Amino acid sequence: MDQDTANEIQKLRAEIYEIEARLEFLFKHFNVEYIRQMDGVDPRLVAAIQKGDMIGAIKVYRELTNVGLVEAKAAVEGMWAKYSKS
C-alpha cells in the first residue's frame, strides 16, 4: 500500500470517528437509544419486548400488521423468548 492510500485510509477513519462521536452526542442530547433492527423485525417491537412491555409490543404489532388482538398477542408471545433480555 502506498503512502497516499494509507493517508486516505487514516483520514477516512478519523472522519468516521467524528461522525460516531456526533451521533453519540445527539443520542444522549435527545435521550434516544439506538436499537439495531433484528431479523427484519421493527425495532419498536423489539424495544417493547426488551422493556417487558407486552401491551406496548402488541400495540406495535397490531399497527404493523393490522391483525386482531388475539392474533397479535399470540404473535408477540411467540417472539417473546427470542427478543426479551431475561
PDB file of N, CA and C in Angstrom:
ATOM      1  N   MET A   1       0.853  -1.164   0.000  1.00  0.00           N
ATOM      2  CA  MET A   1       0.000   0.000   0.000  1.00  0.00           C
ATOM      3  C   MET A   1       0.904   1.233   0.000  1.00  0.00           C
ATOM      4  N   ASP A   2       0.612   2.143  -0.902  1.00  0.00           N
ATOM      5  CA  ASP A   2       1.446   3.339  -0.971  1.00  0.00           C
ATOM      6  C   ASP A   2       1.025   4.342   0.105  1.00  0.00           C
ATOM      7  N   GLN A   3       1.842   5.361   0.272  1.00  0.00           N
ATOM      8  CA  GLN A   3       1.635   6.352   1.338  1.00  0.00           C
ATOM      9  C   GLN A   3       0.353   7.151   1.136  1.00  0.00           C
ATOM     10  N   ASP A   4       0.020   7.490  -0.112  1.00  0.00           N
ATOM     11  CA  ASP A   4      -1.213   8.242  -0.365  1.00  0.00           C
ATOM     12  C   ASP A   4      -2.448   7.441   0.067  1.00  0.00           C
ATOM     13  N   THR A   5      -2.460   6.164  -0.237  1.00  0.00           N
ATOM     14  CA  THR A   5      -3.580   5.307   0.151  1.00  0.00           C
ATOM     15  C   THR A   5      -3.670   5.194   1.659  1.00  0.00           C
ATOM     16  N   ALA A   6      -2.534   5.010   2.305  1.00  0.00           N
ATOM     17  CA  ALA A   6      -2.510   4.919   3.768  1.00  0.00           C
ATOM     18  C   ALA A   6      -3.018   6.210   4.408  1.00  0.00           C
ATOM     19  N   ASN A   7      -2.618   7.340   3.858  1.00  0.00           N
ATOM     20  CA  ASN A   7      -3.086   8.630   4.380  1.00  0.00           C
ATOM     21  C   ASN A   7      -4.590   8.798   4.191  1.00  0.00           C
ATOM     22  N   GLU A   8      -5.095   8.376   3.039  1.00  0.00           N
ATOM     23  CA  GLU A   8      -6.522   8.480   2.768  1.00  0.00           C
ATOM     24  C   GLU A   8      -7.325   7.593   3.723  1.00  0.00           C
ATOM     25  N   ILE A   9      -6.826   6.390   3.977  1.00  0.00           N
ATOM     26  CA  ILE A   9      -7.492   5.487   4.918  1.00  0.00           C
ATOM     27  C   ILE A   9      -7.507   6.100   6.311  1.00  0.00           C
ATOM     28  N   GLN A  10      -6.407   6.666   6.720  1.00  0.00           N
ATOM     29  CA  GLN A  10      -6.331   7.298   8.038  1.00  0.00           C
ATOM     30  C   GLN A  10      -7.304   8.478   8.130  1.00  0.00           C
ATOM     31  N   LYS A  11      -7.397   9.260   7.071  1.00  0.00           N
ATOM     32  CA  LYS A  11      -8.323  10.392   7.037  1.00  0.00           C
ATOM     33  C   LYS A  11      -9.765   9.906   7.151  1.00  0.00           C
ATOM     34  N   LEU A  12     -10.128   8.863   6.426  1.00  0.00           N
ATOM     35  CA  LEU A  12     -11.476   8.304   6.481  1.00  0.00           C
ATOM     36  C   LEU A  12     -11.800   7.751   7.868  1.00  0.00           C
ATOM     37  N   ARG A  13     -10.841   7.104   8.506  1.00  0.00           N
ATOM     38  CA  ARG A  13     -11.043   6.602   9.866  1.00  0.00           C
ATOM     39  C   ARG A  13     -11.321   7.741  10.833  1.00  0.00           C
ATOM     40  N   ALA A  14     -10.597   8.828  10.692  1.00  0.00           N
ATOM     41  CA  ALA A  14     -10.810   9.996  11.558  1.00  0.00           C
ATOM     42  C   ALA A  14     -12.200  10.588  11.331  1.00  0.00           C
ATOM     43  N   GLU A  15     -12.636  10.651  10.090  1.00  0.00           N
ATOM     44  CA  GLU A  15     -13.968  11.172   9.782  1.00  0.00           C
ATOM     45  C   GLU A  15     -15.062  10.263  10.353  1.00  0.00           C
ATOM     46  N   ILE A  16     -14.877   8.964  10.248  1.00  0.00           N
ATOM     47  CA  ILE A  16     -15.844   8.019  10.812  1.00  0.00           C
ATOM     48  C   ILE A  16     -15.913   8.184  12.327  1.00  0.00           C
ATOM     49  N   TYR A  17     -14.773   8.323  12.966  1.00  0.00           N
ATOM     50  CA  TYR A  17     -14.738   8.530  14.416  1.00  0.00           C
ATOM     51  C   TYR A  17     -15.501   9.796  14.786  1.00  0.00           C
ATOM     52  N   GLU A  18     -15.324  10.870  14.030  1.00  0.00           N
ATOM     53  CA  GLU A  18     -16.018  12.133  14.288  1.00  0.00           C
ATOM     54  C   GLU A  18     -17.531  11.974  14.123  1.00  0.00           C
ATOM     55  N   ILE A  19     -17.955  11.279  13.086  1.00  0.00           N
ATOM     56  CA  ILE A  19     -19.383  11.045  12.863  1.00  0.00           C
ATOM     57  C   ILE A  19     -19.975  10.229  14.005  1.00  0.00           C
ATOM     58  N   GLU A  20     -19.275   9.193  14.440  1.00  0.00           N
ATOM     59  CA  GLU A  20     -19.761   8.376  15.553  1.00  0.00           C
ATOM     60  C   GLU A  20     -19.877   9.205  16.831  1.00  0.00           C
ATOM     61  N   ALA A  21     -18.921  10.074  17.071  1.00  0.00           N
ATOM     62  CA  ALA A  21     -18.967  10.932  18.255  1.00  0.00           C
ATOM     63  C   ALA A  21     -20.162  11.882  18.192  1.00  0.00           C
ATOM     64  N   ARG A  22     -20.427  12.430  17.023  1.00  0.00           N
ATOM     65  CA  ARG A  22     -21.580  13.330  16.869  1.00  0.00           C
ATOM     66  C   ARG A  22     -22.898  12.584  17.086  1.00  0.00           C
ATOM     67  N   LEU A  23     -23.005  11.386  16.540  1.00  0.00           N
ATOM     68  CA  LEU A  23     -24.214  10.590  16.741  1.00  0.00           C
ATOM     69  C   LEU A  23     -24.429  10.276  18.219  1.00  0.00           C
ATOM     70  N   GLU A  24     -23.369   9.888  18.888  1.00  0.00           N
ATOM     71  CA  GLU A  24     -23.461   9.597  20.316  1.00  0.00           C
ATOM     72  C   GLU A  24     -23.930  10.826  21.085  1.00  0.00           C
ATOM     73  N   PHE A  25     -23.402  11.995  20.744  1.00  0.00           N
ATOM     74  CA  PHE A  25     -23.829  13.240  21.375  1.00  0.00           C
ATOM     75  C   PHE A  25     -25.323  13.474  21.152  1.00  0.00           C
ATOM     76  N   LEU A  26     -25.782  13.296  19.916  1.00  0.00           N
ATOM     77  CA  LEU A  26     -27.196  13.513  19.606  1.00  0.00           C
ATOM     78  C   LEU A  26     -28.098  12.524  20.346  1.00  0.00           C
ATOM     79  N   PHE A  27     -27.686  11.266  20.398  1.00  0.00           N
ATOM     80  CA  PHE A  27     -28.483  10.275  21.123  1.00  0.00           C
ATOM     81  C   PHE A  27     -28.626  10.675  22.581  1.00  0.00           C
ATOM     82  N   LYS A  28     -27.538  11.085  23.199  1.00  0.00           N
ATOM     83  CA  LYS A  28     -27.587  11.499  24.607  1.00  0.00           C
ATOM     84  C   LYS A  28     -28.403  12.774  24.769  1.00  0.00           C
ATOM     85  N   HIS A  29     -28.211  13.729  23.894  1.00  0.00           N
ATOM     86  CA  HIS A  29     -28.907  15.007  23.989  1.00  0.00           C
ATOM     87  C   HIS A  29     -30.424  14.833  23.901  1.00  0.00           C
ATOM     88  N   PHE A  30     -30.875  13.979  22.993  1.00  0.00           N
ATOM     89  CA  PHE A  30     -32.306  13.770  22.808  1.00  0.00           C
ATOM     90  C   PHE A  30     -32.829  12.571  23.587  1.00  0.00           C
ATOM     91  N   ASN A  31     -31.979  11.993  24.427  1.00  0.00           N
ATOM     92  CA  ASN A  31     -32.345  10.841  25.251  1.00  0.00           C
ATOM     93  C   ASN A  31     -32.964   9.733  24.401  1.00  0.00           C
ATOM     94  N   VAL A  32     -32.250   9.368  23.334  1.00  0.00           N
ATOM     95  CA  VAL A  32     -32.706   8.349  22.393  1.00  0.00           C
ATOM     96  C   VAL A  32     -31.747   7.176  22.458  1.00  0.00           C
ATOM     97  N   GLU A  33     -32.306   5.979  22.395  1.00  0.00           N
ATOM     98  CA  GLU A  33     -31.485   4.781  22.387  1.00  0.00           C
ATOM     99  C   GLU A  33     -31.538   4.159  21.000  1.00  0.00           C
ATOM    100  N   TYR A  34     -30.393   3.846  20.443  1.00  0.00           N
ATOM    101  CA  TYR A  34     -30.362   3.187  19.146  1.00  0.00           C
ATOM    102  C   TYR A  34     -30.570   1.700  19.356  1.00  0.00           C
ATOM    103  N   ILE A  35     -31.511   1.140  18.610  1.00  0.00           N
ATOM    104  CA  ILE A  35     -31.767  -0.292  18.671  1.00  0.00           C
ATOM    105  C   ILE A  35     -31.634  -0.841  17.259  1.00  0.00           C
ATOM    106  N   ARG A  36     -30.697  -1.711  17.086  1.00  0.00           N
ATOM    107  CA  ARG A  36     -30.467  -2.299  15.767  1.00  0.00           C
ATOM    108  C   ARG A  36     -31.653  -3.172  15.377  1.00  0.00           C
ATOM    109  N   GLN A  37     -32.101  -3.029  14.144  1.00  0.00           N
ATOM    110  CA  GLN A  37     -33.206  -3.839  13.651  1.00  0.00           C
ATOM    111  C   GLN A  37     -32.719  -5.279  13.540  1.00  0.00           C
ATOM    112  N   MET A  38     -33.491  -6.200  14.103  1.00  0.00           N
ATOM    113  CA  MET A  38     -33.082  -7.597  14.174  1.00  0.00           C
ATOM    114  C   MET A  38     -33.975  -8.446  13.276  1.00  0.00           C
ATOM    115  N   ASP A  39     -33.384  -9.198  12.392  1.00  0.00           N
ATOM    116  CA  ASP A  39     -34.112 -10.154  11.560  1.00  0.00           C
ATOM    117  C   ASP A  39     -35.301  -9.531  10.832  1.00  0.00           C
ATOM    118  N   GLY A  40     -35.194  -8.270  10.459  1.00  0.00           N
ATOM    119  CA  GLY A  40     -36.289  -7.625   9.764  1.00  0.00           C
ATOM    120  C   GLY A  40     -37.454  -7.258  10.665  1.00  0.00           C
ATOM    121  N   VAL A  41     -37.320  -7.433  11.974  1.00  0.00           N
ATOM    122  CA  VAL A  41     -38.375  -7.086  12.920  1.00  0.00           C
ATOM    123  C   VAL A  41     -38.238  -5.614  13.272  1.00  0.00           C
ATOM    124  N   ASP A  42     -39.354  -4.914  13.287  1.00  0.00           N
ATOM    125  CA  ASP A  42     -39.358  -3.492  13.594  1.00  0.00           C
ATOM    126  C   ASP A  42     -38.692  -3.245  14.953  1.00  0.00           C
ATOM    127  N   PRO A  43     -37.748  -2.305  15.024  1.00  0.00           N
ATOM    128  CA  PRO A  43     -37.031  -2.055  16.280  1.00  0.00           C
ATOM    129  C   PRO A  43     -37.944  -1.595  17.412  1.00  0.00           C
ATOM    130  N   ARG A  44     -39.078  -0.984  17.100  1.00  0.00           N
ATOM    131  CA  ARG A  44     -40.019  -0.575  18.157  1.00  0.00           C
ATOM    132  C   ARG A  44     -40.606  -1.796  18.850  1.00  0.00           C
ATOM    133  N   LEU A  45     -40.845  -2.838  18.072  1.00  0.00           N
ATOM    134  CA  LEU A  45     -41.380  -4.075  18.635  1.00  0.00           C
ATOM    135  C   LEU A  45     -40.336  -4.739  19.532  1.00  0.00           C
ATOM    136  N   VAL A  46     -39.124  -4.813  19.060  1.00  0.00           N
ATOM    137  CA  VAL A  46     -38.040  -5.403  19.850  1.00  0.00           C
ATOM    138  C   VAL A  46     -37.830  -4.598  21.135  1.00  0.00           C
ATOM    139  N   ALA A  47     -37.860  -3.269  21.041  1.00  0.00           N
ATOM    140  CA  ALA A  47     -37.662  -2.426  22.219  1.00  0.00           C
ATOM    141  C   ALA A  47     -38.757  -2.660  23.252  1.00  0.00           C
ATOM    142  N   ALA A  48     -39.997  -2.758  22.812  1.00  0.00           N
ATOM    143  CA  ALA A  48     -41.105  -3.003  23.742  1.00  0.00           C
ATOM    144  C   ALA A  48     -40.935  -4.353  24.438  1.00  0.00           C
ATOM    145  N   ILE A  49     -40.553  -5.365  23.692  1.00  0.00           N
ATOM    146  CA  ILE A  49     -40.341  -6.689  24.276  1.00  0.00           C
ATOM    147  C   ILE A  49     -39.195  -6.642  25.282  1.00  0.00           C
ATOM    148  N   GLN A  50     -38.101  -5.973  24.920  1.00  0.00           N
ATOM    149  CA  GLN A  50     -36.955  -5.904  25.815  1.00  0.00           C
ATOM    150  C   GLN A  50     -37.254  -5.117  27.091  1.00  0.00           C
ATOM    151  N   LYS A  51     -38.207  -4.207  27.027  1.00  0.00           N
ATOM    152  CA  LYS A  51     -38.631  -3.467  28.219  1.00  0.00           C
ATOM    153  C   LYS A  51     -39.614  -4.279  29.061  1.00  0.00           C
ATOM    154  N   GLY A  52     -40.080  -5.399  28.517  1.00  0.00           N
ATOM    155  CA  GLY A  52     -41.069  -6.198  29.213  1.00  0.00           C
ATOM    156  C   GLY A  52     -42.473  -5.645  29.054  1.00  0.00           C
ATOM    157  N   ASP A  53     -42.683  -4.838  28.039  1.00  0.00           N
ATOM    158  CA  ASP A  53     -43.954  -4.164  27.803  1.00  0.00           C
ATOM    159  C   ASP A  53     -44.800  -4.962  26.810  1.00  0.00           C
ATOM    160  N   MET A  54     -45.511  -5.951  27.320  1.00  0.00           N
ATOM    161  CA  MET A  54     -46.333  -6.813  26.456  1.00  0.00           C
ATOM    162  C   MET A  54     -47.409  -6.010  25.740  1.00  0.00           C
ATOM    163  N   ILE A  55     -48.085  -5.132  26.460  1.00  0.00           N
ATOM    164  CA  ILE A  55     -49.159  -4.344  25.856  1.00  0.00           C
ATOM    165  C   ILE A  55     -48.615  -3.440  24.749  1.00  0.00           C
ATOM    166  N   GLY A  56     -47.484  -2.793  25.015  1.00  0.00           N
ATOM    167  CA  GLY A  56     -46.866  -1.940  24.001  1.00  0.00           C
ATOM    168  C   GLY A  56     -46.438  -2.733  22.781  1.00  0.00           C
ATOM    169  N   ALA A  57     -45.894  -3.925  23.018  1.00  0.00           N
ATOM    170  CA  ALA A  57     -45.459  -4.778  21.906  1.00  0.00           C
ATOM    171  C   ALA A  57     -46.652  -5.208  21.060  1.00  0.00           C
ATOM    172  N   ILE A  58     -47.735  -5.561  21.723  1.00  0.00           N
ATOM    173  CA  ILE A  58     -48.944  -5.958  20.987  1.00  0.00           C
ATOM    174  C   ILE A  58     -49.476  -4.775  20.178  1.00  0.00           C
ATOM    175  N   LYS A  59     -49.455  -3.610  20.774  1.00  0.00           N
ATOM    176  CA  LYS A  59     -49.932  -2.411  20.083  1.00  0.00           C
ATOM    177  C   LYS A  59     -49.102  -2.139  18.822  1.00  0.00           C
ATOM    178  N   VAL A  60     -47.784  -2.225  18.949  1.00  0.00           N
ATOM    179  CA  VAL A  60     -46.903  -2.016  17.791  1.00  0.00           C
ATOM    180  C   VAL A  60     -47.166  -3.089  16.737  1.00  0.00           C
ATOM    181  N   TYR A  61     -47.279  -4.335  17.178  1.00  0.00           N
ATOM    182  CA  TYR A  61     -47.511  -5.421  16.230  1.00  0.00           C
ATOM    183  C   TYR A  61     -48.811  -5.219  15.463  1.00  0.00           C
ATOM    184  N   ARG A  62     -49.853  -4.807  16.176  1.00  0.00           N
ATOM    185  CA  ARG A  62     -51.145  -4.569  15.511  1.00  0.00           C
ATOM    186  C   ARG A  62     -51.036  -3.417  14.517  1.00  0.00           C
ATOM    187  N   GLU A  63     -50.293  -2.391  14.896  1.00  0.00           N
ATOM    188  CA  GLU A  63     -50.092  -1.250  13.989  1.00  0.00           C
ATOM    189  C   GLU A  63     -49.382  -1.688  12.714  1.00  0.00           C
ATOM    190  N   LEU A  64     -48.400  -2.563  12.869  1.00  0.00           N
ATOM    191  CA  LEU A  64     -47.601  -3.015  11.728  1.00  0.00           C
ATOM    192  C   LEU A  64     -48.349  -3.990  10.830  1.00  0.00           C
ATOM    193  N   THR A  65     -49.179  -4.836  11.432  1.00  0.00           N
ATOM    194  CA  THR A  65     -49.772  -5.936  10.667  1.00  0.00           C
ATOM    195  C   THR A  65     -51.266  -5.811  10.436  1.00  0.00           C
ATOM    196  N   ASN A  66     -51.924  -4.944  11.171  1.00  0.00           N
ATOM    197  CA  ASN A  66     -53.367  -4.749  11.051  1.00  0.00           C
ATOM    198  C   ASN A  66     -54.149  -6.032  11.350  1.00  0.00           C
ATOM    199  N   VAL A  67     -53.673  -6.805  12.337  1.00  0.00           N
ATOM    200  CA  VAL A  67     -54.378  -8.012  12.762  1.00  0.00           C
ATOM    201  C   VAL A  67     -55.141  -7.722  14.049  1.00  0.00           C
ATOM    202  N   GLY A  68     -55.976  -8.651  14.448  1.00  0.00           N
ATOM    203  CA  GLY A  68     -56.754  -8.507  15.669  1.00  0.00           C
ATOM    204  C   GLY A  68     -55.914  -8.712  16.919  1.00  0.00           C
ATOM    205  N   LEU A  69     -56.549  -8.439  18.039  1.00  0.00           N
ATOM    206  CA  LEU A  69     -55.868  -8.518  19.332  1.00  0.00           C
ATOM    207  C   LEU A  69     -55.371  -9.930  19.635  1.00  0.00           C
ATOM    208  N   VAL A  70     -56.201 -10.926  19.410  1.00  0.00           N
ATOM    209  CA  VAL A  70     -55.829 -12.306  19.712  1.00  0.00           C
ATOM    210  C   VAL A  70     -54.635 -12.747  18.866  1.00  0.00           C
ATOM    211  N   GLU A  71     -54.666 -12.429  17.593  1.00  0.00           N
ATOM    212  CA  GLU A  71     -53.566 -12.804  16.694  1.00  0.00           C
ATOM    213  C   GLU A  71     -52.274 -12.081  17.077  1.00  0.00           C
ATOM    214  N   ALA A  72     -52.409 -10.805  17.395  1.00  0.00           N
ATOM    215  CA  ALA A  72     -51.228 -10.030  17.768  1.00  0.00           C
ATOM    216  C   ALA A  72     -50.618 -10.545  19.061  1.00  0.00           C
ATOM    217  N   LYS A  73     -51.459 -10.852  20.042  1.00  0.00           N
ATOM    218  CA  LYS A  73     -50.968 -11.374  21.319  1.00  0.00           C
ATOM    219  C   LYS A  73     -50.221 -12.682  21.108  1.00  0.00           C
ATOM    220  N   ALA A  74     -50.782 -13.562  20.304  1.00  0.00           N
ATOM    221  CA  ALA A  74     -50.135 -14.848  20.027  1.00  0.00           C
ATOM    222  C   ALA A  74     -48.789 -14.649  19.332  1.00  0.00           C
ATOM    223  N   ALA A  75     -48.747 -13.729  18.387  1.00  0.00           N
ATOM    224  CA  ALA A  75     -47.501 -13.475  17.658  1.00  0.00           C
ATOM    225  C   ALA A  75     -46.432 -12.910  18.589  1.00  0.00           C
ATOM    226  N   VAL A  76     -46.809 -11.945  19.425  1.00  0.00           N
ATOM    227  CA  VAL A  76     -45.841 -11.335  20.347  1.00  0.00           C
ATOM    228  C   VAL A  76     -45.364 -12.368  21.361  1.00  0.00           C
ATOM    229  N   GLU A  77     -46.270 -13.182  21.869  1.00  0.00           N
ATOM    230  CA  GLU A  77     -45.849 -14.242  22.796  1.00  0.00           C
ATOM    231  C   GLU A  77     -44.848 -15.183  22.135  1.00  0.00           C
ATOM    232  N   GLY A  78     -45.033 -15.444  20.847  1.00  0.00           N
ATOM    233  CA  GLY A  78     -44.091 -16.290  20.117  1.00  0.00           C
ATOM    234  C   GLY A  78     -42.718 -15.663  19.955  1.00  0.00           C
ATOM    235  N   MET A  79     -42.671 -14.340  19.925  1.00  0.00           N
ATOM    236  CA  MET A  79     -41.391 -13.625  19.779  1.00  0.00           C
ATOM    237  C   MET A  79     -40.723 -13.352  21.122  1.00  0.00           C
ATOM    238  N   TRP A  80     -41.467 -13.463  22.184  1.00  0.00           N
ATOM    239  CA  TRP A  80     -41.002 -13.020  23.499  1.00  0.00           C
ATOM    240  C   TRP A  80     -39.671 -13.656  23.901  1.00  0.00           C
ATOM    241  N   ALA A  81     -39.569 -14.969  23.807  1.00  0.00           N
ATOM    242  CA  ALA A  81     -38.343 -15.653  24.236  1.00  0.00           C
ATOM    243  C   ALA A  81     -37.146 -15.241  23.386  1.00  0.00           C
ATOM    244  N   LYS A  82     -37.374 -15.007  22.114  1.00  0.00           N
ATOM    245  CA  LYS A  82     -36.273 -14.676  21.215  1.00  0.00           C
ATOM    246  C   LYS A  82     -35.708 -13.278  21.477  1.00  0.00           C
ATOM    247  N   TYR A  83     -36.572 -12.316  21.787  1.00  0.00           N
ATOM    248  CA  TYR A  83     -36.120 -10.932  21.878  1.00  0.00           C
ATOM    249  C   TYR A  83     -36.060 -10.362  23.282  1.00  0.00           C
ATOM    250  N   SER A  84     -36.623 -11.058  24.277  1.00  0.00           N
ATOM    251  CA  SER A  84     -36.575 -10.485  25.631  1.00  0.00           C
ATOM    252  C   SER A  84     -35.168 -10.644  26.207  1.00  0.00           C
ATOM    253  N   LYS A  85     -34.826  -9.721  27.076  1.00  0.00           N
ATOM    254  CA  LYS A  85     -33.478  -9.716  27.669  1.00  0.00           C
ATOM    255  C   LYS A  85     -33.353 -10.754  28.778  1.00  0.00           C
ATOM    256  N   SER A  86     -34.445 -11.117  29.386  1.00  0.00           N
ATOM    257  CA  SER A  86     -34.365 -12.057  30.507  1.00  0.00           C
ATOM    258  C   SER A  86     -34.605 -13.474  30.083  1.00  0.00           C
TER     259      SER A  86
END
